[in-house]
Amino acid sequence: MVTQAKAKAAKRPSAGPNLATTGADDNTTAIAAGGAVVLAAGVGTLVVLRRRTADADA
């Protein structure tokens, strides 16, 4: 069993010195920060609207 696994591993092509890219680049931080700002704005809007409706019902 172990020798078969080693034989299969030996037949696989090597990645060589170049690894696959993951898609992350310099824009990743800016995109994440923009998403956090949009999320925070949405949460803030919900909080304000719920307080207004709670005050109107009281």
Protein backbone atom coordinates (compact mmCIF):
# COMPACT_ATOMS: atom_id res chain seq x y z
CA MET A 1 0.00 0.00 0.00
CA VAL A 2 2.69 2.49 0.94
CA THR A 3 4.73 1.73 -2.15
CA GLN A 4 1.70 2.30 -4.39
CA ALA A 5 1.13 5.71 -2.82
CA LYS A 6 4.77 6.63 -3.33
CA ALA A 7 4.60 5.49 -6.95
CA LYS A 8 1.52 7.64 -7.58
CA ALA A 9 3.18 10.63 -5.91
CA ALA A 10 6.25 10.19 -8.07
CA LYS A 11 4.13 10.31 -11.25
CA ARG A 12 2.46 13.63 -10.34
CA PRO A 13 3.87 16.70 -12.07
CA SER A 14 5.83 19.05 -9.88
CA ALA A 15 4.64 22.61 -9.30
CA GLY A 16 8.15 23.83 -9.82
CA PRO A 17 9.32 27.20 -8.53
CA ASN A 18 6.07 28.98 -9.50
CA LEU A 19 3.18 28.44 -7.13
CA ALA A 20 -0.45 29.00 -8.03
CA THR A 21 -1.83 32.46 -7.36
CA THR A 22 -4.59 32.82 -4.77
CA GLY A 23 -6.23 35.91 -6.19
CA ALA A 24 -5.16 38.18 -3.33
CA ASP A 25 -3.38 41.36 -4.37
CA ASP A 26 -2.92 44.96 -3.26
CA ASN A 27 -6.65 45.73 -3.58
CA THR A 28 -7.73 43.11 -1.05
CA THR A 29 -7.28 45.39 1.96
CA ALA A 30 -9.16 48.25 0.30
CA ILE A 31 -12.03 45.97 -0.68
CA ALA A 32 -12.26 44.52 2.85
CA ALA A 33 -12.20 48.02 4.38
CA GLY A 34 -14.92 49.18 1.99
CA GLY A 35 -17.06 46.21 2.90
CA ALA A 36 -16.61 46.94 6.61
CA VAL A 37 -17.68 50.57 6.06
CA VAL A 38 -20.80 49.50 4.16
CA LEU A 39 -21.64 46.95 6.86
CA ALA A 40 -21.19 49.52 9.63
CA ALA A 41 -23.39 52.02 7.76
CA GLY A 42 -26.10 49.40 7.41
CA VAL A 43 -25.98 48.53 11.10
CA GLY A 44 -26.09 52.20 12.03
CA THR A 45 -29.10 52.75 9.80
CA LEU A 46 -30.96 49.84 11.39
CA VAL A 47 -30.22 51.09 14.90
CA VAL A 48 -31.45 54.60 14.10
CA LEU A 49 -34.63 53.34 12.42
CA ARG A 50 -35.46 50.99 15.30
CA ARG A 51 -34.98 53.77 17.84
CA ARG A 52 -37.23 56.07 15.85
CA THR A 53 -40.00 53.48 15.66
CA ALA A 54 -39.59 52.68 19.37
CA ASP A 55 -39.85 56.38 20.25
CA ALA A 56 -42.91 56.80 18.03
CA ASP A 57 -44.68 53.86 19.72
CA ALA A 58 -43.99 55.15 23.23
